N, C-alpha and C. Protein backbone atom coordinates (compact mmCIF):
# COMPACT_ATOMS: atom_id res chain seq x y z
N MET A 1 0.83 -1.17 0.00
CA MET A 1 0.00 0.00 0.00
C MET A 1 0.88 1.24 0.00
N PHE A 2 1.20 1.78 -1.14
CA PHE A 2 2.03 2.97 -1.23
C PHE A 2 1.19 4.20 -0.92
N GLY A 3 1.80 5.14 -0.19
CA GLY A 3 1.16 6.42 0.03
C GLY A 3 0.01 6.40 1.02
N HIS A 4 -0.15 5.36 1.82
CA HIS A 4 -1.22 5.31 2.82
C HIS A 4 -0.95 6.34 3.90
N GLN A 5 -1.98 7.10 4.27
CA GLN A 5 -1.80 8.15 5.26
C GLN A 5 -2.64 7.84 6.49
N ILE A 6 -2.09 8.17 7.67
CA ILE A 6 -2.83 8.05 8.92
C ILE A 6 -2.70 9.36 9.67
N PRO A 7 -3.71 9.72 10.49
CA PRO A 7 -3.62 10.95 11.27
C PRO A 7 -2.42 10.92 12.20
N CYS A 8 -1.81 12.07 12.40
CA CYS A 8 -0.63 12.20 13.27
C CYS A 8 -1.06 12.89 14.56
N GLY A 9 -1.25 12.14 15.61
CA GLY A 9 -1.66 12.71 16.89
C GLY A 9 -3.15 12.98 16.94
N GLU A 10 -3.63 13.33 18.11
CA GLU A 10 -5.05 13.56 18.27
C GLU A 10 -5.37 14.98 18.71
N ARG A 11 -4.43 15.67 19.35
CA ARG A 11 -4.71 17.00 19.90
C ARG A 11 -4.04 18.08 19.06
N GLY A 12 -4.82 19.00 18.53
CA GLY A 12 -4.27 20.15 17.83
C GLY A 12 -3.55 19.85 16.53
N MET A 13 -3.76 18.69 15.96
CA MET A 13 -3.03 18.32 14.75
C MET A 13 -4.01 18.08 13.60
N VAL A 14 -5.09 18.82 13.55
CA VAL A 14 -6.08 18.64 12.50
C VAL A 14 -5.41 18.84 11.14
N GLY A 15 -5.60 17.91 10.24
CA GLY A 15 -5.04 18.00 8.91
C GLY A 15 -3.61 17.51 8.78
N SER A 16 -3.00 17.05 9.84
CA SER A 16 -1.63 16.55 9.78
C SER A 16 -1.65 15.05 9.55
N PHE A 17 -0.76 14.57 8.70
CA PHE A 17 -0.71 13.15 8.38
C PHE A 17 0.73 12.67 8.31
N VAL A 18 0.89 11.39 8.52
CA VAL A 18 2.18 10.72 8.35
C VAL A 18 2.01 9.76 7.19
N ARG A 19 2.93 9.79 6.24
CA ARG A 19 2.85 8.91 5.08
C ARG A 19 3.60 7.62 5.39
N LEU A 20 2.89 6.50 5.25
CA LEU A 20 3.50 5.19 5.47
C LEU A 20 3.87 4.56 4.14
N GLN A 21 5.07 4.04 4.07
CA GLN A 21 5.51 3.33 2.87
C GLN A 21 6.14 2.03 3.30
N PRO A 22 5.98 0.97 2.50
CA PRO A 22 6.59 -0.30 2.87
C PRO A 22 8.10 -0.20 2.83
N TYR A 23 8.76 -1.01 3.63
CA TYR A 23 10.22 -1.02 3.66
C TYR A 23 10.75 -1.62 2.37
N LEU A 24 11.56 -0.86 1.67
CA LEU A 24 12.13 -1.30 0.39
C LEU A 24 13.64 -1.29 0.43
N GLY A 25 14.22 -1.28 1.60
CA GLY A 25 15.67 -1.19 1.69
C GLY A 25 16.04 0.18 2.22
N ALA A 26 17.23 0.62 1.88
CA ALA A 26 17.76 1.88 2.41
C ALA A 26 17.31 3.06 1.55
N ASN A 27 16.06 3.47 1.68
CA ASN A 27 15.57 4.65 0.97
C ASN A 27 16.14 5.90 1.62
N THR A 28 16.39 6.91 0.81
CA THR A 28 16.88 8.19 1.31
C THR A 28 15.96 9.29 0.82
N LEU A 29 15.46 10.10 1.73
CA LEU A 29 14.63 11.24 1.39
C LEU A 29 15.54 12.44 1.14
N CYS A 30 15.39 13.08 -0.01
CA CYS A 30 16.26 14.18 -0.40
C CYS A 30 15.46 15.48 -0.52
N MET A 31 16.11 16.58 -0.26
CA MET A 31 15.50 17.88 -0.46
C MET A 31 15.61 18.26 -1.93
N VAL A 32 14.56 18.88 -2.46
CA VAL A 32 14.56 19.40 -3.82
C VAL A 32 14.39 20.91 -3.73
N CYS A 33 15.24 21.64 -4.43
CA CYS A 33 15.13 23.09 -4.47
C CYS A 33 15.86 23.60 -5.71
N LYS A 34 15.20 24.45 -6.46
CA LYS A 34 15.80 25.01 -7.68
C LYS A 34 16.76 26.15 -7.38
N ASN A 35 16.52 26.88 -6.27
CA ASN A 35 17.38 28.02 -5.91
C ASN A 35 17.51 28.04 -4.39
N PHE A 36 18.64 27.54 -3.89
CA PHE A 36 18.90 27.41 -2.46
C PHE A 36 20.05 28.33 -2.08
N LYS A 37 19.80 29.28 -1.16
CA LYS A 37 20.85 30.21 -0.72
C LYS A 37 20.72 30.45 0.78
N LYS A 38 21.86 30.51 1.47
CA LYS A 38 21.92 30.81 2.90
C LYS A 38 20.97 29.95 3.72
N GLY A 39 20.90 28.67 3.38
CA GLY A 39 20.09 27.73 4.15
C GLY A 39 18.60 27.78 3.89
N GLN A 40 18.17 28.55 2.90
CA GLN A 40 16.74 28.70 2.59
C GLN A 40 16.46 28.36 1.14
N CYS A 41 15.34 27.69 0.89
CA CYS A 41 14.91 27.43 -0.48
C CYS A 41 14.10 28.62 -0.96
N LEU A 42 14.57 29.27 -2.02
CA LEU A 42 13.91 30.45 -2.56
C LEU A 42 12.97 30.12 -3.71
N GLN A 43 13.14 28.94 -4.33
CA GLN A 43 12.30 28.58 -5.48
C GLN A 43 12.29 27.07 -5.66
N GLY A 44 11.12 26.49 -5.91
CA GLY A 44 11.00 25.08 -6.26
C GLY A 44 11.20 24.10 -5.13
N LYS A 45 10.67 24.40 -3.94
CA LYS A 45 10.88 23.54 -2.78
C LYS A 45 10.04 22.27 -2.86
N GLY A 46 10.66 21.14 -2.48
CA GLY A 46 9.97 19.86 -2.44
C GLY A 46 10.89 18.80 -1.88
N ASN A 47 10.55 17.54 -2.13
CA ASN A 47 11.44 16.45 -1.76
C ASN A 47 11.24 15.29 -2.71
N CYS A 48 12.18 14.37 -2.69
CA CYS A 48 12.12 13.18 -3.53
C CYS A 48 12.74 12.03 -2.74
N THR A 49 12.43 10.81 -3.15
CA THR A 49 12.95 9.63 -2.46
C THR A 49 13.79 8.81 -3.42
N MET A 50 15.01 8.50 -3.01
CA MET A 50 15.89 7.62 -3.78
C MET A 50 15.79 6.23 -3.17
N GLU A 51 15.23 5.29 -3.94
CA GLU A 51 15.12 3.92 -3.47
C GLU A 51 16.39 3.14 -3.74
N GLN A 52 17.06 3.47 -4.81
CA GLN A 52 18.33 2.84 -5.18
C GLN A 52 19.16 3.91 -5.87
N GLY A 53 20.37 3.57 -6.25
CA GLY A 53 21.19 4.53 -6.98
C GLY A 53 21.96 5.44 -6.05
N PRO A 54 22.73 6.37 -6.64
CA PRO A 54 23.61 7.23 -5.86
C PRO A 54 22.92 8.08 -4.80
N GLY A 55 21.78 8.69 -5.05
CA GLY A 55 21.08 9.41 -3.99
C GLY A 55 20.85 10.87 -4.21
N CYS A 56 21.05 11.66 -3.16
CA CYS A 56 20.76 13.09 -3.17
C CYS A 56 21.92 13.85 -3.80
N ARG A 57 21.56 14.87 -4.59
CA ARG A 57 22.61 15.65 -5.28
C ARG A 57 22.52 17.11 -4.86
N THR A 58 23.68 17.70 -4.69
CA THR A 58 23.84 19.14 -4.45
C THR A 58 24.71 19.68 -5.56
N ARG A 59 24.23 20.73 -6.24
CA ARG A 59 25.03 21.37 -7.29
C ARG A 59 25.18 22.86 -6.98
N ASP A 60 26.43 23.28 -6.80
CA ASP A 60 26.75 24.69 -6.58
C ASP A 60 27.10 25.33 -7.92
N PHE A 61 26.50 26.49 -8.20
CA PHE A 61 26.73 27.21 -9.45
C PHE A 61 27.56 28.46 -9.15
N PHE A 62 28.64 28.63 -9.93
CA PHE A 62 29.55 29.76 -9.78
C PHE A 62 29.67 30.48 -11.12
N LEU A 63 29.84 31.80 -11.08
CA LEU A 63 30.10 32.60 -12.28
C LEU A 63 31.50 33.20 -12.16
N PHE A 64 32.24 33.17 -13.28
CA PHE A 64 33.60 33.71 -13.29
C PHE A 64 33.52 35.23 -13.38
N SER A 65 34.22 35.92 -12.49
CA SER A 65 34.15 37.38 -12.44
C SER A 65 35.26 38.02 -13.27
N GLU A 66 35.11 39.32 -13.49
CA GLU A 66 36.13 40.09 -14.20
C GLU A 66 37.41 40.19 -13.37
N LYS A 67 37.31 39.96 -12.07
CA LYS A 67 38.48 39.99 -11.18
C LYS A 67 39.23 38.66 -11.18
N GLY A 68 38.78 37.72 -11.99
CA GLY A 68 39.49 36.45 -12.14
C GLY A 68 39.22 35.42 -11.06
N ARG A 69 38.04 35.45 -10.47
CA ARG A 69 37.72 34.43 -9.47
C ARG A 69 36.28 33.93 -9.66
N TRP A 70 36.01 32.75 -9.08
CA TRP A 70 34.68 32.15 -9.17
C TRP A 70 33.82 32.67 -8.02
N ASN A 71 32.68 33.28 -8.35
CA ASN A 71 31.75 33.79 -7.35
C ASN A 71 30.53 32.88 -7.27
N PHE A 72 30.20 32.46 -6.05
CA PHE A 72 29.02 31.62 -5.85
C PHE A 72 27.77 32.36 -6.28
N ASN A 73 26.88 31.64 -7.03
CA ASN A 73 25.62 32.22 -7.47
C ASN A 73 24.44 31.60 -6.72
N HIS A 74 24.29 30.27 -6.80
CA HIS A 74 23.20 29.58 -6.10
C HIS A 74 23.48 28.08 -6.06
N THR A 75 22.65 27.36 -5.30
CA THR A 75 22.74 25.91 -5.19
C THR A 75 21.42 25.30 -5.64
N GLU A 76 21.49 24.14 -6.31
CA GLU A 76 20.30 23.35 -6.65
C GLU A 76 20.39 22.01 -5.94
N LEU A 77 19.26 21.54 -5.41
CA LEU A 77 19.19 20.27 -4.69
C LEU A 77 18.17 19.37 -5.37
N ASP A 78 18.52 18.06 -5.54
CA ASP A 78 17.59 17.12 -6.16
C ASP A 78 18.03 15.68 -5.92
N CYS A 79 17.29 14.74 -6.51
CA CYS A 79 17.67 13.32 -6.55
C CYS A 79 18.26 13.06 -7.93
N TYR A 80 19.23 12.17 -8.00
CA TYR A 80 19.83 11.88 -9.30
C TYR A 80 20.41 10.48 -9.31
N ASP A 81 20.03 9.68 -10.31
CA ASP A 81 20.47 8.29 -10.40
C ASP A 81 21.95 8.13 -10.74
N PHE A 82 22.51 9.09 -11.48
CA PHE A 82 23.89 8.95 -11.96
C PHE A 82 24.79 10.03 -11.36
N CYS A 83 24.58 10.32 -10.10
CA CYS A 83 25.30 11.40 -9.44
C CYS A 83 26.75 11.01 -9.16
N THR A 84 27.65 11.90 -9.53
CA THR A 84 29.07 11.75 -9.18
C THR A 84 29.57 13.10 -8.69
N SER A 85 30.48 13.08 -7.76
CA SER A 85 31.09 14.33 -7.29
C SER A 85 32.07 14.81 -8.35
N SER A 86 31.86 16.03 -8.84
CA SER A 86 32.70 16.52 -9.93
C SER A 86 32.53 18.03 -10.11
N ASN A 87 33.38 18.60 -10.96
CA ASN A 87 33.30 20.00 -11.37
C ASN A 87 33.14 20.03 -12.88
N TYR A 88 32.15 20.81 -13.35
CA TYR A 88 31.94 21.02 -14.78
C TYR A 88 32.19 22.49 -15.08
N TYR A 89 32.83 22.75 -16.21
CA TYR A 89 33.09 24.12 -16.64
C TYR A 89 32.46 24.33 -18.01
N ILE A 90 31.59 25.35 -18.10
CA ILE A 90 30.93 25.69 -19.35
C ILE A 90 31.10 27.20 -19.52
N GLY A 91 32.12 27.61 -20.26
CA GLY A 91 32.41 29.04 -20.40
C GLY A 91 32.69 29.68 -19.06
N ASP A 92 31.91 30.70 -18.71
CA ASP A 92 32.07 31.42 -17.45
C ASP A 92 31.25 30.81 -16.31
N LEU A 93 30.77 29.58 -16.50
CA LEU A 93 29.96 28.89 -15.50
C LEU A 93 30.69 27.66 -14.98
N LYS A 94 30.73 27.52 -13.68
CA LYS A 94 31.30 26.33 -13.03
C LYS A 94 30.20 25.69 -12.19
N ILE A 95 30.03 24.35 -12.33
CA ILE A 95 29.04 23.62 -11.54
C ILE A 95 29.77 22.55 -10.75
N SER A 96 29.73 22.65 -9.43
CA SER A 96 30.34 21.65 -8.54
C SER A 96 29.23 20.76 -8.00
N SER A 97 29.35 19.44 -8.25
CA SER A 97 28.33 18.48 -7.81
C SER A 97 28.84 17.63 -6.66
N PHE A 98 27.96 17.37 -5.69
CA PHE A 98 28.24 16.50 -4.55
C PHE A 98 27.09 15.52 -4.41
N CYS A 99 27.36 14.34 -3.90
CA CYS A 99 26.34 13.32 -3.72
C CYS A 99 26.37 12.79 -2.29
N CYS A 100 25.20 12.37 -1.80
CA CYS A 100 25.14 11.75 -0.48
C CYS A 100 23.94 10.81 -0.44
N LYS A 101 23.94 9.89 0.49
CA LYS A 101 22.80 8.99 0.70
C LYS A 101 22.90 8.40 2.09
N GLY A 102 21.84 7.74 2.50
CA GLY A 102 21.84 7.06 3.78
C GLY A 102 21.36 7.89 4.96
N ARG A 103 21.14 9.19 4.75
CA ARG A 103 20.63 10.07 5.81
C ARG A 103 19.64 11.03 5.16
N ASP A 104 18.42 11.05 5.63
CA ASP A 104 17.40 11.91 5.04
C ASP A 104 17.84 13.37 5.01
N PHE A 105 17.57 14.01 3.89
CA PHE A 105 17.88 15.42 3.64
C PHE A 105 19.36 15.74 3.79
N CYS A 106 20.22 14.76 3.51
CA CYS A 106 21.67 14.97 3.63
C CYS A 106 22.17 16.04 2.67
N ASN A 107 21.48 16.27 1.55
CA ASN A 107 21.95 17.27 0.59
C ASN A 107 21.66 18.70 1.02
N LYS A 108 20.88 18.90 2.06
CA LYS A 108 20.59 20.26 2.53
C LYS A 108 21.80 20.87 3.24
N TYR A 109 22.67 20.04 3.76
CA TYR A 109 23.73 20.52 4.64
C TYR A 109 25.12 20.52 4.03
N ILE A 110 25.20 20.33 2.71
CA ILE A 110 26.50 20.39 2.04
C ILE A 110 26.43 21.44 0.94
N GLY A 111 27.56 21.88 0.49
CA GLY A 111 27.60 22.87 -0.58
C GLY A 111 27.60 24.30 -0.05
N LYS A 112 27.76 25.25 -0.96
CA LYS A 112 27.86 26.67 -0.60
C LYS A 112 26.52 27.28 -0.19
N GLY A 113 25.41 26.70 -0.63
CA GLY A 113 24.10 27.28 -0.37
C GLY A 113 23.72 27.35 1.09
N LYS A 114 24.41 26.59 1.94
CA LYS A 114 24.09 26.60 3.37
C LYS A 114 24.64 27.84 4.07
N GLU A 115 25.63 28.49 3.45
CA GLU A 115 26.31 29.63 4.09
C GLU A 115 25.52 30.91 3.95
């Protein structure tokens, strides 16, 4: 029974539910955010579940400045099956990717977007 919901508590919790899912192994719940800065999701907030595969992904986006250094722009958080930790360079854009699994919302606490 996927997605079965039951009430959470009896006092003052009207409309609150807990989602029950069958045990399928080491699932990891990941944060999803299109624009994450200073520990806050500014756009596209949600979550996703990785049942298998690499897990939660954090991507930091940097723009190359006229002063010759990489300036942090924003962070994106999501689930990704083929996640690898790496740096990609596309012109004046640098994308640093990090992966984690085994701890719910582990991607919220890594990368530049937390600062």
